[in-house]
Amino acid sequence: MAKIEKPQGDVFKVEFTEYERGWGSKHWDTEYYDNEVEARQRAIDYNKQHNNLDSAPDWYVRADYAGKVR
């Protein structure tokens, strides 16, 4: 996977959001990738691995592809 540390030029963002019952949600982390396909796949893979229950637990983190950073 082509994860990059400092966004330069055209990069693609995956945002992670923490959710906790009774407390709401907040930004957890951001990752940047040098190509869109890998960024989209990272979000899908993360959610398949970590968010695979039939209902939402009391605490969890969700990954979302957030698009191209300009």
N, C-alpha and C. Protein backbone atom coordinates (compact mmCIF):
# COMPACT_ATOMS: atom_id res chain seq x y z
N MET A 1 0.84 -1.17 0.00
CA MET A 1 0.00 0.00 0.00
C MET A 1 0.89 1.23 0.00
N ALA A 2 0.50 2.23 -0.73
CA ALA A 2 1.33 3.42 -0.86
C ALA A 2 0.86 4.53 0.08
N LYS A 3 0.90 4.25 1.38
CA LYS A 3 0.56 5.26 2.36
C LYS A 3 1.70 6.27 2.41
N ILE A 4 1.37 7.55 2.53
CA ILE A 4 2.40 8.58 2.59
C ILE A 4 2.23 9.39 3.87
N GLU A 5 3.33 9.95 4.35
CA GLU A 5 3.30 10.69 5.61
C GLU A 5 2.88 12.15 5.44
N LYS A 6 3.48 12.85 4.49
CA LYS A 6 3.18 14.27 4.29
C LYS A 6 2.53 14.45 2.93
N PRO A 7 1.29 14.95 2.91
CA PRO A 7 0.63 15.13 1.62
C PRO A 7 1.28 16.21 0.77
N GLN A 8 1.67 15.83 -0.44
CA GLN A 8 2.22 16.77 -1.40
C GLN A 8 1.65 16.42 -2.76
N GLY A 9 1.21 17.40 -3.50
CA GLY A 9 0.61 17.14 -4.80
C GLY A 9 -0.77 16.53 -4.65
N ASP A 10 -1.16 15.70 -5.60
CA ASP A 10 -2.46 15.06 -5.56
C ASP A 10 -2.39 13.82 -4.68
N VAL A 11 -3.10 13.85 -3.56
CA VAL A 11 -3.17 12.71 -2.65
C VAL A 11 -4.63 12.44 -2.30
N PHE A 12 -4.87 11.27 -1.74
CA PHE A 12 -6.22 10.84 -1.43
C PHE A 12 -6.30 10.50 0.05
N LYS A 13 -7.39 10.94 0.68
CA LYS A 13 -7.49 10.90 2.13
C LYS A 13 -8.49 9.87 2.62
N VAL A 14 -8.10 9.17 3.71
CA VAL A 14 -9.00 8.29 4.44
C VAL A 14 -9.08 8.85 5.86
N GLU A 15 -10.30 9.13 6.31
CA GLU A 15 -10.50 9.66 7.65
C GLU A 15 -11.10 8.59 8.55
N PHE A 16 -10.63 8.57 9.79
CA PHE A 16 -11.11 7.63 10.79
C PHE A 16 -11.86 8.42 11.86
N THR A 17 -13.05 7.94 12.21
CA THR A 17 -13.89 8.60 13.19
C THR A 17 -14.21 7.64 14.31
N GLU A 18 -14.04 8.09 15.55
CA GLU A 18 -14.36 7.30 16.74
C GLU A 18 -15.80 7.58 17.13
N TYR A 19 -16.52 6.52 17.47
CA TYR A 19 -17.91 6.64 17.94
C TYR A 19 -18.00 5.96 19.30
N GLU A 20 -18.63 6.64 20.26
CA GLU A 20 -18.83 6.06 21.58
C GLU A 20 -20.23 6.38 22.06
N ARG A 21 -20.95 5.32 22.43
CA ARG A 21 -22.33 5.48 22.88
C ARG A 21 -22.39 6.44 24.07
N GLY A 22 -23.26 7.42 23.99
CA GLY A 22 -23.42 8.38 25.06
C GLY A 22 -22.50 9.59 24.96
N TRP A 23 -21.46 9.49 24.12
CA TRP A 23 -20.50 10.59 24.00
C TRP A 23 -20.45 11.17 22.59
N GLY A 24 -20.99 10.46 21.61
CA GLY A 24 -20.99 10.97 20.25
C GLY A 24 -19.78 10.51 19.45
N SER A 25 -19.30 11.39 18.59
CA SER A 25 -18.20 11.02 17.69
C SER A 25 -17.14 12.11 17.67
N LYS A 26 -15.92 11.72 17.27
CA LYS A 26 -14.83 12.68 17.09
C LYS A 26 -13.82 12.12 16.11
N HIS A 27 -13.07 13.02 15.52
CA HIS A 27 -12.01 12.64 14.58
C HIS A 27 -10.98 11.79 15.31
N TRP A 28 -10.56 10.69 14.68
CA TRP A 28 -9.62 9.76 15.30
C TRP A 28 -8.24 9.84 14.63
N ASP A 29 -8.22 9.81 13.28
CA ASP A 29 -6.94 9.81 12.56
C ASP A 29 -7.21 10.10 11.09
N THR A 30 -6.16 10.45 10.37
CA THR A 30 -6.22 10.66 8.92
C THR A 30 -5.01 9.99 8.29
N GLU A 31 -5.25 9.28 7.19
CA GLU A 31 -4.16 8.68 6.41
C GLU A 31 -4.25 9.21 4.99
N TYR A 32 -3.09 9.36 4.35
CA TYR A 32 -3.02 9.86 2.98
C TYR A 32 -2.38 8.80 2.09
N TYR A 33 -2.88 8.69 0.87
CA TYR A 33 -2.38 7.71 -0.10
C TYR A 33 -2.11 8.40 -1.42
N ASP A 34 -1.18 7.84 -2.18
CA ASP A 34 -0.84 8.47 -3.46
C ASP A 34 -1.70 7.99 -4.62
N ASN A 35 -2.67 7.09 -4.34
CA ASN A 35 -3.61 6.76 -5.40
C ASN A 35 -4.99 6.42 -4.84
N GLU A 36 -5.99 6.74 -5.61
CA GLU A 36 -7.38 6.66 -5.16
C GLU A 36 -7.82 5.23 -4.87
N VAL A 37 -7.42 4.29 -5.70
CA VAL A 37 -7.84 2.90 -5.53
C VAL A 37 -7.37 2.37 -4.18
N GLU A 38 -6.13 2.63 -3.81
CA GLU A 38 -5.61 2.15 -2.53
C GLU A 38 -6.28 2.83 -1.35
N ALA A 39 -6.58 4.11 -1.48
CA ALA A 39 -7.26 4.82 -0.40
C ALA A 39 -8.67 4.25 -0.18
N ARG A 40 -9.40 4.05 -1.26
CA ARG A 40 -10.74 3.46 -1.15
C ARG A 40 -10.68 2.05 -0.55
N GLN A 41 -9.70 1.27 -1.00
CA GLN A 41 -9.57 -0.10 -0.51
C GLN A 41 -9.19 -0.14 0.96
N ARG A 42 -8.38 0.80 1.42
CA ARG A 42 -8.00 0.87 2.84
C ARG A 42 -9.23 1.04 3.71
N ALA A 43 -10.13 1.94 3.31
CA ALA A 43 -11.35 2.17 4.09
C ALA A 43 -12.21 0.90 4.11
N ILE A 44 -12.36 0.26 2.97
CA ILE A 44 -13.16 -0.97 2.89
C ILE A 44 -12.54 -2.07 3.75
N ASP A 45 -11.24 -2.28 3.63
CA ASP A 45 -10.57 -3.34 4.38
C ASP A 45 -10.63 -3.10 5.88
N TYR A 46 -10.42 -1.85 6.30
CA TYR A 46 -10.47 -1.53 7.72
C TYR A 46 -11.86 -1.85 8.29
N ASN A 47 -12.89 -1.40 7.59
CA ASN A 47 -14.24 -1.62 8.09
C ASN A 47 -14.63 -3.10 8.08
N LYS A 48 -14.20 -3.84 7.08
CA LYS A 48 -14.48 -5.29 7.06
C LYS A 48 -13.82 -6.00 8.24
N GLN A 49 -12.61 -5.58 8.59
CA GLN A 49 -11.88 -6.22 9.67
C GLN A 49 -12.40 -5.82 11.05
N HIS A 50 -12.72 -4.54 11.23
CA HIS A 50 -13.03 -4.02 12.56
C HIS A 50 -14.51 -3.77 12.82
N ASN A 51 -15.31 -3.65 11.79
CA ASN A 51 -16.73 -3.31 11.96
C ASN A 51 -17.59 -4.36 11.28
N ASN A 52 -17.55 -5.56 11.82
CA ASN A 52 -18.22 -6.67 11.17
C ASN A 52 -19.32 -7.31 12.04
N LEU A 53 -19.81 -6.58 13.03
CA LEU A 53 -20.88 -7.09 13.88
C LEU A 53 -22.24 -6.74 13.28
N ASP A 54 -23.27 -7.41 13.75
CA ASP A 54 -24.63 -7.14 13.27
C ASP A 54 -25.19 -5.82 13.79
N SER A 55 -24.66 -5.34 14.92
CA SER A 55 -25.11 -4.07 15.48
C SER A 55 -23.89 -3.26 15.93
N ALA A 56 -24.09 -1.98 16.14
CA ALA A 56 -22.99 -1.11 16.54
C ALA A 56 -22.63 -1.36 18.02
N PRO A 57 -21.34 -1.58 18.31
CA PRO A 57 -20.92 -1.75 19.70
C PRO A 57 -20.91 -0.40 20.42
N ASP A 58 -20.62 -0.42 21.71
CA ASP A 58 -20.57 0.82 22.49
C ASP A 58 -19.45 1.75 22.03
N TRP A 59 -18.36 1.18 21.51
CA TRP A 59 -17.23 1.98 21.02
C TRP A 59 -16.69 1.34 19.75
N TYR A 60 -16.44 2.17 18.74
CA TYR A 60 -15.81 1.66 17.51
C TYR A 60 -15.25 2.82 16.71
N VAL A 61 -14.39 2.48 15.75
CA VAL A 61 -13.80 3.45 14.84
C VAL A 61 -14.18 3.04 13.42
N ARG A 62 -14.63 4.01 12.63
CA ARG A 62 -15.01 3.75 11.25
C ARG A 62 -14.08 4.51 10.31
N ALA A 63 -13.71 3.87 9.20
CA ALA A 63 -12.88 4.51 8.18
C ALA A 63 -13.76 4.93 7.01
N ASP A 64 -13.50 6.13 6.47
CA ASP A 64 -14.24 6.64 5.33
C ASP A 64 -13.27 7.24 4.31
N TYR A 65 -13.46 6.86 3.06
CA TYR A 65 -12.70 7.50 1.99
C TYR A 65 -13.22 8.94 1.88
N ALA A 66 -12.33 9.92 1.99
CA ALA A 66 -12.75 11.32 2.02
C ALA A 66 -12.41 12.07 0.72
N GLY A 67 -11.84 11.39 -0.26
CA GLY A 67 -11.61 12.01 -1.54
C GLY A 67 -10.22 12.58 -1.74
N LYS A 68 -10.10 13.30 -2.83
CA LYS A 68 -8.83 13.88 -3.25
C LYS A 68 -8.55 15.16 -2.48
N VAL A 69 -7.31 15.31 -2.04
CA VAL A 69 -6.86 16.52 -1.37
C VAL A 69 -6.18 17.38 -2.39
N ARG A 70 -6.54 18.61 -2.49
CA ARG A 70 -5.95 19.51 -3.49
C ARG A 70 -4.92 20.41 -2.89
